[in-house]
Structure formats: C-alpha cells, structure tokens
C-alpha cells in the first residue's frame, strides 16, 4: 500500500516523481554498461546517483548486477523510498537494510563502489565489509552525460522559471538597491515554484550560490570558487557571490542565475544596467557573443571539448582579452563551458584535457565572460547537442542585449 498518494505533488497537483519508465531505462543502460565494462555489480550510494537510478535519495544503497539483479537497501525512510521508487511498479526491489554481515552475505556478486563520489571513511567501511577496491565512479558519470527526452523536458521547464527570475531582477532593480536584495527577489520566484534549496555539485567543497548578482567593481573580486565571477559575498565565511554592493548608474550588473526543476539544472547569465552601458562595455559583450557562437558551432559539429576550448581562447586573444577571459591572473578559470544535469559541474568540460566531443544528448552551459577590476561582463546559456547541432534550452531574452532597470 502506498502511504503517500497525495503528499508529494507539484504546485499544480502533478506527480513529481521520476517516471517508472525513465528509471527502468536508466537501470537497463546501467546493466548493459556493467556487461560491456566487465563489472560484476555496483553499489550506488551517492545521493544524486541514487535519485538518478531509483527515483529516491533516501538513506540507501542500490545494488545492481550484470545479470539484472536490482535491489534498493534502505536504512530510512523505507516507506518513502517505496513510494518515490514507483510503489508496486518500481523496476527494482525495495527492502530494509539488513545487519552488516547479512548484507555482505546476501549479495551474489562483490560490487564496485563509488569511491570518487562518497566520503573516504564511508567508502573504506564498505570496502572492508565487502572486500572490494573496484571503483565505478567514472562509469556512472559517463552514463549520466547523455540526457533522455524526459530530462531535457525537465530542463526546459526549469528555463521557464529561470526566465521569471530574470524578470523579477529587471522589475526590482533601482539605484541604491543592494546585490543581495536583488538576488533575494530572484530566489523568491525560484523557491515558490519548487526549488529544493541546494545546488548539487561533484567537486569539493561542494558549495555554490544559486544566484550570483555582482555590480560594478564587485564583479572583479575573485573568490575560492572555480568560475569567472567571484564576488565579495556577504562575509568571509560566505565569500562568493552577492554582497552589500549597491547598484549605481551606468555600471555593469552581471546576473548569473540557476534554477533546478525536479533536480535538473538550468544555468544562464544576463547583463543588466541602470541607464545603460558605455559603448566599450557593449562591444565587449558583443565579442563574448561571438566567442559563444564559435564554441556552440564547434561543439555542435562534434569537435572535441579541448579543441573547442582552444578555438574560443584564440578568438579571445585576437580581441586582446587573454588576460581577462574567465578571470584576472592569477585567478583565471580555464574553461568556457561546463556540463549540467542533476549537478552543476558534470562532465565533459570545454577545457584542456577533455579530448572528446560533447555526446549527443549532452547538456552544457557555455559562458564566456570578461573580468576587470571595475566590473565583469559576459553571457551564458544552457544547450543540448542534437543530431542537428546545438539547441538552446535557456530562454530568457537575448544574451547579447543589456537589460536596463
């Protein structure tokens, strides 16, 4: 019996669980990958990957073998895990997590673990219990790179909300308002329409602000976060993103907003200003649009991500931006795009070392930006690679147009 028939619905009453057909397809792909890569079994324990494969992120471990055995062992909450997995229609068995000795003896095969996606002490305990040192982190990450039609739909729904977030910024912006006051208006929209409160990331320290609005010289302040734009943040413990800088006339205001719909990221950046920007800033934005177009064309043509980085960087150097692209030395970031999905920092990345193309169905946020001591300027949109090239998923106006308060 389903204990939660009406408790986990979206704002208009729709069922926001991952469809069972989607879970079944993902698990089938996992089984095929295990067979191809010669893994007897895997144990999925990272919360994001648990959600991806089973539809739930309860405290659980998902065992899947090359012969199709699929079991979700749940510590808590079992009843929620059953419901979120699809109830009686779940494509996997949902059972209570047994005692440790029983758990290890119940598994037909010794599974690989996600050593690159779980804490060391946690992984070491299971490694000793199960007698395994095999790692399946990369295998899982690769499977998630190609998005299904349903996942793309989730990102398109996220884009609709994100567009409303940008509208809220435009409607609220005025002289003297702080960055934090502006970002609060965008976050209010996001929260009211279903954002869960956390932007998921793979890379330690697993911390990112969902909304970054930086005005004038605050756009030139670096931070610990590996991105073009840092920002002061409100205080040293939260030392990135928006702070108490006030909006001033004719200064660039960079607005980088993320929304997650049912877990799926949409990422975009738009430029704003009170009273417009100088022709010099406008020219820089147009040049960033040219670099974005070049990156999009390269990825859509199946060129490797590393070669695409070289294409974009060389174009920036031709315009004289080598020392300001994606940061100011020594705090420059060395990428022009990052894959997104259930996490903000998925693979591949438009950067050195990623010597393969964005796969068909891969989704990427492409974000050329320039950083100066007196401000930052650039654009960002989320794209998906299709058979016909790159399709833009983010929808909030023209990225190369400055929106005026």
Foldseek 3Di string as FASTA:
>chain_A
DQPPPQPQAFPVRHHLADDLVQLVVLLVVVLVLCVVVVFQKAKDQQQLLCCNNQRGSARWIWIAGNVGATEIAHQPDQSVSCVSSPHPSRPHHYYHHDPLLCNLVVDPDQHAYACLQDDPVVVVVVCVSNVDDHHCNVVSLVSVQADDPVLLVQLLVQLVLQLVLVVQLLVPDDFFAFQVVSNVSSVVSQVVRDFPPAFAASDPVRDDDQKAKAKWLQQQDADPDQWLGFGQACDDVRGGGTHGDTADAQIKIKIWHWHGGSLWIWIKIAIAGAPYHDVVQLVVQVLLVVLLVQLQQCLLVWAFLQVNLVVSLVSCVVVVQNQFKGHHPPNRRFFFKAWTTSHPHGDDTSGPPRRGHSDQNGKMKGWIKGHDSTHIDTIIFIWGHHNRGIDTSNDNPDRSDYRYD
